[in-house]
Amino acid sequence: MAFNSVSYLAVATPSTSRTGDFPLTATVAADVATLVADGVAPTQGHVNTLNTDWGTYLTAENLKRAGVVNIEYDTTLTINQIREAIRSLLFKIEGTF
């Protein structure tokens, strides 16, 4: 079966994950902006949200710096389509070095 198999995969470092598993920098920045808008009396909920997102972001950033990547794929694909997509991705990666 001939198809552009790489289009079925998304490879991303954790802190830029498309699925929202890891908050982007913008999420943490929005949390900080919310606290700033709270003024002298930030709500505990806003503090907790920032704390949670910051911890998740730091974990993701540490994984990124360690060279860990996520490979995401469409779960409706067959195992052979996934294998072909990975082979195609490896071929493209090897061609860049």
PDB file of N, CA and C in Angstrom:
ATOM      1  N   MET A   1       0.851  -1.178   0.000  1.00  0.00           N
ATOM      2  CA  MET A   1       0.000   0.000   0.000  1.00  0.00           C
ATOM      3  C   MET A   1       0.894   1.238   0.000  1.00  0.00           C
ATOM      4  N   ALA A   2       0.703   2.109  -0.947  1.00  0.00           N
ATOM      5  CA  ALA A   2       1.524   3.305  -1.053  1.00  0.00           C
ATOM      6  C   ALA A   2       0.780   4.489  -0.442  1.00  0.00           C
ATOM      7  N   PHE A   3       1.384   5.073   0.555  1.00  0.00           N
ATOM      8  CA  PHE A   3       0.812   6.280   1.152  1.00  0.00           C
ATOM      9  C   PHE A   3       1.921   7.019   1.879  1.00  0.00           C
ATOM     10  N   ASN A   4       1.697   8.271   2.125  1.00  0.00           N
ATOM     11  CA  ASN A   4       2.669   9.074   2.846  1.00  0.00           C
ATOM     12  C   ASN A   4       2.517   8.769   4.322  1.00  0.00           C
ATOM     13  N   SER A   5       3.187   7.729   4.780  1.00  0.00           N
ATOM     14  CA  SER A   5       2.958   7.221   6.122  1.00  0.00           C
ATOM     15  C   SER A   5       3.386   8.180   7.218  1.00  0.00           C
ATOM     16  N   VAL A   6       4.338   9.058   6.931  1.00  0.00           N
ATOM     17  CA  VAL A   6       4.776   9.972   7.981  1.00  0.00           C
ATOM     18  C   VAL A   6       3.636  10.886   8.411  1.00  0.00           C
ATOM     19  N   SER A   7       2.696  11.137   7.541  1.00  0.00           N
ATOM     20  CA  SER A   7       1.586  12.014   7.904  1.00  0.00           C
ATOM     21  C   SER A   7       0.713  11.403   8.998  1.00  0.00           C
ATOM     22  N   TYR A   8       0.841  10.106   9.236  1.00  0.00           N
ATOM     23  CA  TYR A   8       0.055   9.452  10.275  1.00  0.00           C
ATOM     24  C   TYR A   8       0.671   9.612  11.667  1.00  0.00           C
ATOM     25  N   LEU A   9       1.921  10.025  11.713  1.00  0.00           N
ATOM     26  CA  LEU A   9       2.616  10.140  12.986  1.00  0.00           C
ATOM     27  C   LEU A   9       2.894  11.595  13.314  1.00  0.00           C
ATOM     28  N   ALA A  10       2.951  11.887  14.592  1.00  0.00           N
ATOM     29  CA  ALA A  10       3.393  13.200  15.049  1.00  0.00           C
ATOM     30  C   ALA A  10       4.474  12.954  16.091  1.00  0.00           C
ATOM     31  N   VAL A  11       5.646  13.493  15.853  1.00  0.00           N
ATOM     32  CA  VAL A  11       6.736  13.337  16.796  1.00  0.00           C
ATOM     33  C   VAL A  11       6.976  14.699  17.424  1.00  0.00           C
ATOM     34  N   ALA A  12       6.926  14.747  18.721  1.00  0.00           N
ATOM     35  CA  ALA A  12       7.079  16.029  19.408  1.00  0.00           C
ATOM     36  C   ALA A  12       7.786  15.828  20.728  1.00  0.00           C
ATOM     37  N   THR A  13       8.524  16.821  21.128  1.00  0.00           N
ATOM     38  CA  THR A  13       9.087  16.783  22.465  1.00  0.00           C
ATOM     39  C   THR A  13       7.954  16.994  23.447  1.00  0.00           C
ATOM     40  N   PRO A  14       8.041  16.468  24.647  1.00  0.00           N
ATOM     41  CA  PRO A  14       6.909  16.529  25.574  1.00  0.00           C
ATOM     42  C   PRO A  14       6.342  17.913  25.822  1.00  0.00           C
ATOM     43  N   SER A  15       7.192  18.919  25.923  1.00  0.00           N
ATOM     44  CA  SER A  15       6.659  20.233  26.259  1.00  0.00           C
ATOM     45  C   SER A  15       5.924  20.889  25.095  1.00  0.00           C
ATOM     46  N   THR A  16       5.951  20.273  23.931  1.00  0.00           N
ATOM     47  CA  THR A  16       5.191  20.810  22.809  1.00  0.00           C
ATOM     48  C   THR A  16       4.197  19.788  22.291  1.00  0.00           C
ATOM     49  N   SER A  17       3.816  18.914  23.121  1.00  0.00           N
ATOM     50  CA  SER A  17       2.890  17.870  22.712  1.00  0.00           C
ATOM     51  C   SER A  17       1.596  18.446  22.173  1.00  0.00           C
ATOM     52  N   ARG A  18       1.091  17.874  21.060  1.00  0.00           N
ATOM     53  CA  ARG A  18      -0.151  18.353  20.459  1.00  0.00           C
ATOM     54  C   ARG A  18      -1.364  17.939  21.260  1.00  0.00           C
ATOM     55  N   THR A  19      -1.250  16.905  22.067  1.00  0.00           N
ATOM     56  CA  THR A  19      -2.428  16.344  22.711  1.00  0.00           C
ATOM     57  C   THR A  19      -2.811  17.035  24.000  1.00  0.00           C
ATOM     58  N   GLY A  20      -1.981  17.917  24.501  1.00  0.00           N
ATOM     59  CA  GLY A  20      -2.292  18.592  25.745  1.00  0.00           C
ATOM     60  C   GLY A  20      -1.872  17.803  26.977  1.00  0.00           C
ATOM     61  N   ASP A  21      -1.131  16.727  26.762  1.00  0.00           N
ATOM     62  CA  ASP A  21      -0.645  15.977  27.923  1.00  0.00           C
ATOM     63  C   ASP A  21       0.296  16.824  28.767  1.00  0.00           C
ATOM     64  N   PHE A  22       0.990  17.710  28.128  1.00  0.00           N
ATOM     65  CA  PHE A  22       1.933  18.585  28.810  1.00  0.00           C
ATOM     66  C   PHE A  22       1.569  20.022  28.485  1.00  0.00           C
ATOM     67  N   PRO A  23       1.455  20.859  29.489  1.00  0.00           N
ATOM     68  CA  PRO A  23       1.083  22.250  29.195  1.00  0.00           C
ATOM     69  C   PRO A  23       2.196  22.968  28.450  1.00  0.00           C
ATOM     70  N   LEU A  24       1.830  23.742  27.488  1.00  0.00           N
ATOM     71  CA  LEU A  24       2.790  24.558  26.769  1.00  0.00           C
ATOM     72  C   LEU A  24       3.202  25.734  27.636  1.00  0.00           C
ATOM     73  N   THR A  25       4.257  26.386  27.244  1.00  0.00           N
ATOM     74  CA  THR A  25       4.704  27.580  27.958  1.00  0.00           C
ATOM     75  C   THR A  25       3.573  28.588  28.079  1.00  0.00           C
ATOM     76  N   ALA A  26       2.740  28.673  27.054  1.00  0.00           N
ATOM     77  CA  ALA A  26       1.623  29.622  27.074  1.00  0.00           C
ATOM     78  C   ALA A  26       0.642  29.320  28.199  1.00  0.00           C
ATOM     79  N   THR A  27       0.476  28.052  28.538  1.00  0.00           N
ATOM     80  CA  THR A  27      -0.427  27.683  29.632  1.00  0.00           C
ATOM     81  C   THR A  27       0.088  28.224  30.953  1.00  0.00           C
ATOM     82  N   VAL A  28       1.372  28.046  31.195  1.00  0.00           N
ATOM     83  CA  VAL A  28       1.969  28.537  32.439  1.00  0.00           C
ATOM     84  C   VAL A  28       1.938  30.066  32.453  1.00  0.00           C
ATOM     85  N   ALA A  29       2.220  30.665  31.307  1.00  0.00           N
ATOM     86  CA  ALA A  29       2.178  32.132  31.223  1.00  0.00           C
ATOM     87  C   ALA A  29       0.772  32.652  31.510  1.00  0.00           C
ATOM     88  N   ALA A  30      -0.244  31.967  31.005  1.00  0.00           N
ATOM     89  CA  ALA A  30      -1.629  32.372  31.270  1.00  0.00           C
ATOM     90  C   ALA A  30      -1.957  32.235  32.752  1.00  0.00           C
ATOM     91  N   ASP A  31      -1.433  31.173  33.391  1.00  0.00           N
ATOM     92  CA  ASP A  31      -1.643  31.007  34.833  1.00  0.00           C
ATOM     93  C   ASP A  31      -1.022  32.158  35.618  1.00  0.00           C
ATOM     94  N   VAL A  32       0.179  32.566  35.212  1.00  0.00           N
ATOM     95  CA  VAL A  32       0.844  33.694  35.886  1.00  0.00           C
ATOM     96  C   VAL A  32       0.051  34.979  35.656  1.00  0.00           C
ATOM     97  N   ALA A  33      -0.424  35.181  34.438  1.00  0.00           N
ATOM     98  CA  ALA A  33      -1.216  36.381  34.129  1.00  0.00           C
ATOM     99  C   ALA A  33      -2.485  36.420  34.979  1.00  0.00           C
ATOM    100  N   THR A  34      -3.070  35.261  35.216  1.00  0.00           N
ATOM    101  CA  THR A  34      -4.263  35.201  36.060  1.00  0.00           C
ATOM    102  C   THR A  34      -3.931  35.634  37.480  1.00  0.00           C
ATOM    103  N   LEU A  35      -2.794  35.171  37.990  1.00  0.00           N
ATOM    104  CA  LEU A  35      -2.387  35.582  39.337  1.00  0.00           C
ATOM    105  C   LEU A  35      -2.115  37.079  39.404  1.00  0.00           C
ATOM    106  N   VAL A  36      -1.487  37.616  38.373  1.00  0.00           N
ATOM    107  CA  VAL A  36      -1.221  39.060  38.334  1.00  0.00           C
ATOM    108  C   VAL A  36      -2.539  39.827  38.339  1.00  0.00           C
ATOM    109  N   ALA A  37      -3.500  39.339  37.569  1.00  0.00           N
ATOM    110  CA  ALA A  37      -4.816  39.996  37.518  1.00  0.00           C
ATOM    111  C   ALA A  37      -5.537  39.916  38.859  1.00  0.00           C
ATOM    112  N   ASP A  38      -5.254  38.881  39.647  1.00  0.00           N
ATOM    113  CA  ASP A  38      -5.858  38.755  40.972  1.00  0.00           C
ATOM    114  C   ASP A  38      -5.393  39.864  41.918  1.00  0.00           C
ATOM    115  N   GLY A  39      -4.275  40.477  41.591  1.00  0.00           N
ATOM    116  CA  GLY A  39      -3.755  41.554  42.428  1.00  0.00           C
ATOM    117  C   GLY A  39      -3.205  41.041  43.744  1.00  0.00           C
ATOM    118  N   VAL A  40      -3.493  41.769  44.817  1.00  0.00           N
ATOM    119  CA  VAL A  40      -2.917  41.430  46.129  1.00  0.00           C
ATOM    120  C   VAL A  40      -3.591  40.235  46.782  1.00  0.00           C
ATOM    121  N   ALA A  41      -4.679  39.747  46.194  1.00  0.00           N
ATOM    122  CA  ALA A  41      -5.405  38.637  46.813  1.00  0.00           C
ATOM    123  C   ALA A  41      -5.662  37.503  45.809  1.00  0.00           C
ATOM    124  N   PRO A  42      -4.596  36.791  45.407  1.00  0.00           N
ATOM    125  CA  PRO A  42      -4.816  35.686  44.473  1.00  0.00           C
ATOM    126  C   PRO A  42      -5.644  34.578  45.121  1.00  0.00           C
ATOM    127  N   THR A  43      -6.472  33.942  44.343  1.00  0.00           N
ATOM    128  CA  THR A  43      -7.274  32.862  44.897  1.00  0.00           C
ATOM    129  C   THR A  43      -6.433  31.595  45.022  1.00  0.00           C
ATOM    130  N   GLN A  44      -6.782  30.764  45.976  1.00  0.00           N
ATOM    131  CA  GLN A  44      -6.050  29.516  46.171  1.00  0.00           C
ATOM    132  C   GLN A  44      -6.179  28.616  44.945  1.00  0.00           C
ATOM    133  N   GLY A  45      -7.332  28.658  44.303  1.00  0.00           N
ATOM    134  CA  GLY A  45      -7.532  27.866  43.090  1.00  0.00           C
ATOM    135  C   GLY A  45      -6.576  28.254  41.979  1.00  0.00           C
ATOM    136  N   HIS A  46      -6.349  29.574  41.819  1.00  0.00           N
ATOM    137  CA  HIS A  46      -5.424  30.037  40.792  1.00  0.00           C
ATOM    138  C   HIS A  46      -3.995  29.644  41.134  1.00  0.00           C
ATOM    139  N   VAL A  47      -3.642  29.708  42.400  1.00  0.00           N
ATOM    140  CA  VAL A  47      -2.307  29.297  42.840  1.00  0.00           C
ATOM    141  C   VAL A  47      -2.121  27.799  42.588  1.00  0.00           C
ATOM    142  N   ASN A  48      -3.125  27.010  42.924  1.00  0.00           N
ATOM    143  CA  ASN A  48      -3.033  25.563  42.725  1.00  0.00           C
ATOM    144  C   ASN A  48      -2.916  25.205  41.242  1.00  0.00           C
ATOM    145  N   THR A  49      -3.655  25.917  40.398  1.00  0.00           N
ATOM    146  CA  THR A  49      -3.583  25.665  38.956  1.00  0.00           C
ATOM    147  C   THR A  49      -2.181  25.928  38.435  1.00  0.00           C
ATOM    148  N   LEU A  50      -1.618  27.067  38.814  1.00  0.00           N
ATOM    149  CA  LEU A  50      -0.255  27.375  38.390  1.00  0.00           C
ATOM    150  C   LEU A  50       0.725  26.333  38.917  1.00  0.00           C
ATOM    151  N   ASN A  51       0.605  25.968  40.163  1.00  0.00           N
ATOM    152  CA  ASN A  51       1.512  24.989  40.762  1.00  0.00           C
ATOM    153  C   ASN A  51       1.465  23.661  40.012  1.00  0.00           C
ATOM    154  N   THR A  52       0.266  23.204  39.693  1.00  0.00           N
ATOM    155  CA  THR A  52       0.114  21.935  38.967  1.00  0.00           C
ATOM    156  C   THR A  52       0.700  22.024  37.567  1.00  0.00           C
ATOM    157  N   ASP A  53       0.348  23.088  36.826  1.00  0.00           N
ATOM    158  CA  ASP A  53       0.847  23.245  35.460  1.00  0.00           C
ATOM    159  C   ASP A  53       2.359  23.435  35.434  1.00  0.00           C
ATOM    160  N   TRP A  54       2.891  24.170  36.400  1.00  0.00           N
ATOM    161  CA  TRP A  54       4.333  24.391  36.461  1.00  0.00           C
ATOM    162  C   TRP A  54       5.068  23.077  36.724  1.00  0.00           C
ATOM    163  N   GLY A  55       4.579  22.283  37.649  1.00  0.00           N
ATOM    164  CA  GLY A  55       5.209  20.992  37.938  1.00  0.00           C
ATOM    165  C   GLY A  55       5.183  20.064  36.738  1.00  0.00           C
ATOM    166  N   THR A  56       4.058  20.036  36.035  1.00  0.00           N
ATOM    167  CA  THR A  56       3.942  19.201  34.839  1.00  0.00           C
ATOM    168  C   THR A  56       4.868  19.710  33.743  1.00  0.00           C
ATOM    169  N   TYR A  57       4.917  21.026  33.592  1.00  0.00           N
ATOM    170  CA  TYR A  57       5.802  21.619  32.588  1.00  0.00           C
ATOM    171  C   TYR A  57       7.265  21.287  32.887  1.00  0.00           C
ATOM    172  N   LEU A  58       7.666  21.415  34.147  1.00  0.00           N
ATOM    173  CA  LEU A  58       9.059  21.117  34.494  1.00  0.00           C
ATOM    174  C   LEU A  58       9.406  19.658  34.234  1.00  0.00           C
ATOM    175  N   THR A  59       8.490  18.763  34.536  1.00  0.00           N
ATOM    176  CA  THR A  59       8.712  17.353  34.252  1.00  0.00           C
ATOM    177  C   THR A  59       8.909  17.146  32.756  1.00  0.00           C
ATOM    178  N   ALA A  60       8.033  17.755  31.957  1.00  0.00           N
ATOM    179  CA  ALA A  60       8.130  17.632  30.503  1.00  0.00           C
ATOM    180  C   ALA A  60       9.429  18.227  29.983  1.00  0.00           C
ATOM    181  N   GLU A  61       9.810  19.370  30.530  1.00  0.00           N
ATOM    182  CA  GLU A  61      11.040  20.028  30.094  1.00  0.00           C
ATOM    183  C   GLU A  61      12.264  19.173  30.427  1.00  0.00           C
ATOM    184  N   ASN A  62      12.260  18.565  31.594  1.00  0.00           N
ATOM    185  CA  ASN A  62      13.368  17.674  31.960  1.00  0.00           C
ATOM    186  C   ASN A  62      13.453  16.473  31.027  1.00  0.00           C
ATOM    187  N   LEU A  63      12.301  15.916  30.643  1.00  0.00           N
ATOM    188  CA  LEU A  63      12.288  14.814  29.675  1.00  0.00           C
ATOM    189  C   LEU A  63      12.827  15.275  28.327  1.00  0.00           C
ATOM    190  N   LYS A  64      12.423  16.477  27.934  1.00  0.00           N
ATOM    191  CA  LYS A  64      12.894  17.029  26.663  1.00  0.00           C
ATOM    192  C   LYS A  64      14.408  17.168  26.677  1.00  0.00           C
ATOM    193  N   ARG A  65      14.932  17.711  27.751  1.00  0.00           N
ATOM    194  CA  ARG A  65      16.386  17.897  27.849  1.00  0.00           C
ATOM    195  C   ARG A  65      17.128  16.568  27.896  1.00  0.00           C
ATOM    196  N   ALA A  66      16.459  15.534  28.375  1.00  0.00           N
ATOM    197  CA  ALA A  66      17.063  14.200  28.427  1.00  0.00           C
ATOM    198  C   ALA A  66      16.969  13.505  27.067  1.00  0.00           C
ATOM    199  N   GLY A  67      16.289  14.130  26.110  1.00  0.00           N
ATOM    200  CA  GLY A  67      16.179  13.571  24.778  1.00  0.00           C
ATOM    201  C   GLY A  67      15.010  12.629  24.583  1.00  0.00           C
ATOM    202  N   VAL A  68      14.046  12.666  25.469  1.00  0.00           N
ATOM    203  CA  VAL A  68      12.876  11.802  25.348  1.00  0.00           C
ATOM    204  C   VAL A  68      11.876  12.475  24.409  1.00  0.00           C
ATOM    205  N   VAL A  69      11.282  11.710  23.525  1.00  0.00           N
ATOM    206  CA  VAL A  69      10.259  12.240  22.626  1.00  0.00           C
ATOM    207  C   VAL A  69       8.998  11.385  22.705  1.00  0.00           C
ATOM    208  N   ASN A  70       7.899  11.976  22.357  1.00  0.00           N
ATOM    209  CA  ASN A  70       6.631  11.250  22.235  1.00  0.00           C
ATOM    210  C   ASN A  70       6.398  10.953  20.760  1.00  0.00           C
ATOM    211  N   ILE A  71       5.932   9.764  20.482  1.00  0.00           N
ATOM    212  CA  ILE A  71       5.465   9.456  19.135  1.00  0.00           C
ATOM    213  C   ILE A  71       3.982   9.165  19.265  1.00  0.00           C
ATOM    214  N   GLU A  72       3.187  10.022  18.666  1.00  0.00           N
ATOM    215  CA  GLU A  72       1.739   9.888  18.745  1.00  0.00           C
ATOM    216  C   GLU A  72       1.233   9.377  17.410  1.00  0.00           C
ATOM    217  N   TYR A  73       0.189   8.592  17.434  1.00  0.00           N
ATOM    218  CA  TYR A  73      -0.366   8.074  16.202  1.00  0.00           C
ATOM    219  C   TYR A  73      -1.878   7.943  16.310  1.00  0.00           C
ATOM    220  N   ASP A  74      -2.490   7.882  15.161  1.00  0.00           N
ATOM    221  CA  ASP A  74      -3.932   7.713  15.067  1.00  0.00           C
ATOM    222  C   ASP A  74      -4.260   6.283  15.487  1.00  0.00           C
ATOM    223  N   THR A  75      -5.050   6.116  16.519  1.00  0.00           N
ATOM    224  CA  THR A  75      -5.338   4.789  17.054  1.00  0.00           C
ATOM    225  C   THR A  75      -6.230   3.953  16.147  1.00  0.00           C
ATOM    226  N   THR A  76      -6.723   4.530  15.067  1.00  0.00           N
ATOM    227  CA  THR A  76      -7.525   3.746  14.132  1.00  0.00           C
ATOM    228  C   THR A  76      -6.654   3.044  13.094  1.00  0.00           C
ATOM    229  N   LEU A  77      -5.349   3.293  13.117  1.00  0.00           N
ATOM    230  CA  LEU A  77      -4.451   2.670  12.144  1.00  0.00           C
ATOM    231  C   LEU A  77      -4.225   1.203  12.465  1.00  0.00           C
ATOM    232  N   THR A  78      -3.925   0.440  11.429  1.00  0.00           N
ATOM    233  CA  THR A  78      -3.547  -0.959  11.640  1.00  0.00           C
ATOM    234  C   THR A  78      -2.092  -0.996  12.086  1.00  0.00           C
ATOM    235  N   ILE A  79      -1.680  -2.104  12.651  1.00  0.00           N
ATOM    236  CA  ILE A  79      -0.290  -2.237  13.082  1.00  0.00           C
ATOM    237  C   ILE A  79       0.661  -2.113  11.898  1.00  0.00           C
ATOM    238  N   ASN A  80       0.263  -2.598  10.736  1.00  0.00           N
ATOM    239  CA  ASN A  80       1.125  -2.474   9.555  1.00  0.00           C
ATOM    240  C   ASN A  80       1.263  -1.030   9.105  1.00  0.00           C
ATOM    241  N   GLN A  81       0.205  -0.253   9.210  1.00  0.00           N
ATOM    242  CA  GLN A  81       0.300   1.174   8.872  1.00  0.00           C
ATOM    243  C   GLN A  81       1.233   1.889   9.845  1.00  0.00           C
ATOM    244  N   ILE A  82       1.154   1.538  11.109  1.00  0.00           N
ATOM    245  CA  ILE A  82       2.034   2.154  12.104  1.00  0.00           C
ATOM    246  C   ILE A  82       3.483   1.773  11.825  1.00  0.00           C
ATOM    247  N   ARG A  83       3.728   0.495  11.533  1.00  0.00           N
ATOM    248  CA  ARG A  83       5.097   0.056  11.210  1.00  0.00           C
ATOM    249  C   ARG A  83       5.644   0.808  10.005  1.00  0.00           C
ATOM    250  N   GLU A  84       4.821   0.933   8.964  1.00  0.00           N
ATOM    251  CA  GLU A  84       5.251   1.637   7.761  1.00  0.00           C
ATOM    252  C   GLU A  84       5.529   3.114   8.064  1.00  0.00           C
ATOM    253  N   ALA A  85       4.717   3.712   8.888  1.00  0.00           N
ATOM    254  CA  ALA A  85       4.928   5.113   9.257  1.00  0.00           C
ATOM    255  C   ALA A  85       6.245   5.278  10.013  1.00  0.00           C
ATOM    256  N   ILE A  86       6.534   4.358  10.914  1.00  0.00           N
ATOM    257  CA  ILE A  86       7.784   4.435  11.683  1.00  0.00           C
ATOM    258  C   ILE A  86       8.976   4.218  10.760  1.00  0.00           C
ATOM    259  N   ARG A  87       8.875   3.244   9.854  1.00  0.00           N
ATOM    260  CA  ARG A  87       9.967   3.017   8.893  1.00  0.00           C
ATOM    261  C   ARG A  87      10.221   4.263   8.053  1.00  0.00           C
ATOM    262  N   SER A  88       9.143   4.878   7.577  1.00  0.00           N
ATOM    263  CA  SER A  88       9.268   6.082   6.768  1.00  0.00           C
ATOM    264  C   SER A  88       9.893   7.223   7.570  1.00  0.00           C
ATOM    265  N   LEU A  89       9.467   7.353   8.830  1.00  0.00           N
ATOM    266  CA  LEU A  89      10.033   8.391   9.687  1.00  0.00           C
ATOM    267  C   LEU A  89      11.526   8.166   9.900  1.00  0.00           C
ATOM    268  N   LEU A  90      11.917   6.942  10.185  1.00  0.00           N
ATOM    269  CA  LEU A  90      13.339   6.626  10.370  1.00  0.00           C
ATOM    270  C   LEU A  90      14.133   6.936   9.108  1.00  0.00           C
ATOM    271  N   PHE A  91      13.572   6.615   7.944  1.00  0.00           N
ATOM    272  CA  PHE A  91      14.227   6.907   6.679  1.00  0.00           C
ATOM    273  C   PHE A  91      14.462   8.411   6.541  1.00  0.00           C
ATOM    274  N   LYS A  92      13.445   9.201   6.873  1.00  0.00           N
ATOM    275  CA  LYS A  92      13.578  10.659   6.784  1.00  0.00           C
ATOM    276  C   LYS A  92      14.606  11.181   7.789  1.00  0.00           C
ATOM    277  N   ILE A  93      14.606  10.624   8.994  1.00  0.00           N
ATOM    278  CA  ILE A  93      15.562  11.066  10.028  1.00  0.00           C
ATOM    279  C   ILE A  93      16.988  10.747   9.591  1.00  0.00           C
ATOM    280  N   GLU A  94      17.210   9.533   9.106  1.00  0.00           N
ATOM    281  CA  GLU A  94      18.554   9.130   8.681  1.00  0.00           C
ATOM    282  C   GLU A  94      19.048   9.993   7.537  1.00  0.00           C
ATOM    283  N   GLY A  95      18.160  10.467   6.699  1.00  0.00           N
ATOM    284  CA  GLY A  95      18.538  11.319   5.585  1.00  0.00           C
ATOM    285  C   GLY A  95      18.915  12.731   5.990  1.00  0.00           C
ATOM    286  N   THR A  96      18.638  13.105   7.241  1.00  0.00           N
ATOM    287  CA  THR A  96      18.946  14.466   7.687  1.00  0.00           C
ATOM    288  C   THR A  96      20.321  14.576   8.326  1.00  0.00           C
ATOM    289  N   PHE A  97      20.998  13.456   8.517  1.00  0.00           N
ATOM    290  CA  PHE A  97      22.318  13.493   9.154  1.00  0.00           C
ATOM    291  C   PHE A  97      23.422  13.232   8.176  1.00  0.00           C
TER     292      PHE A  97
END
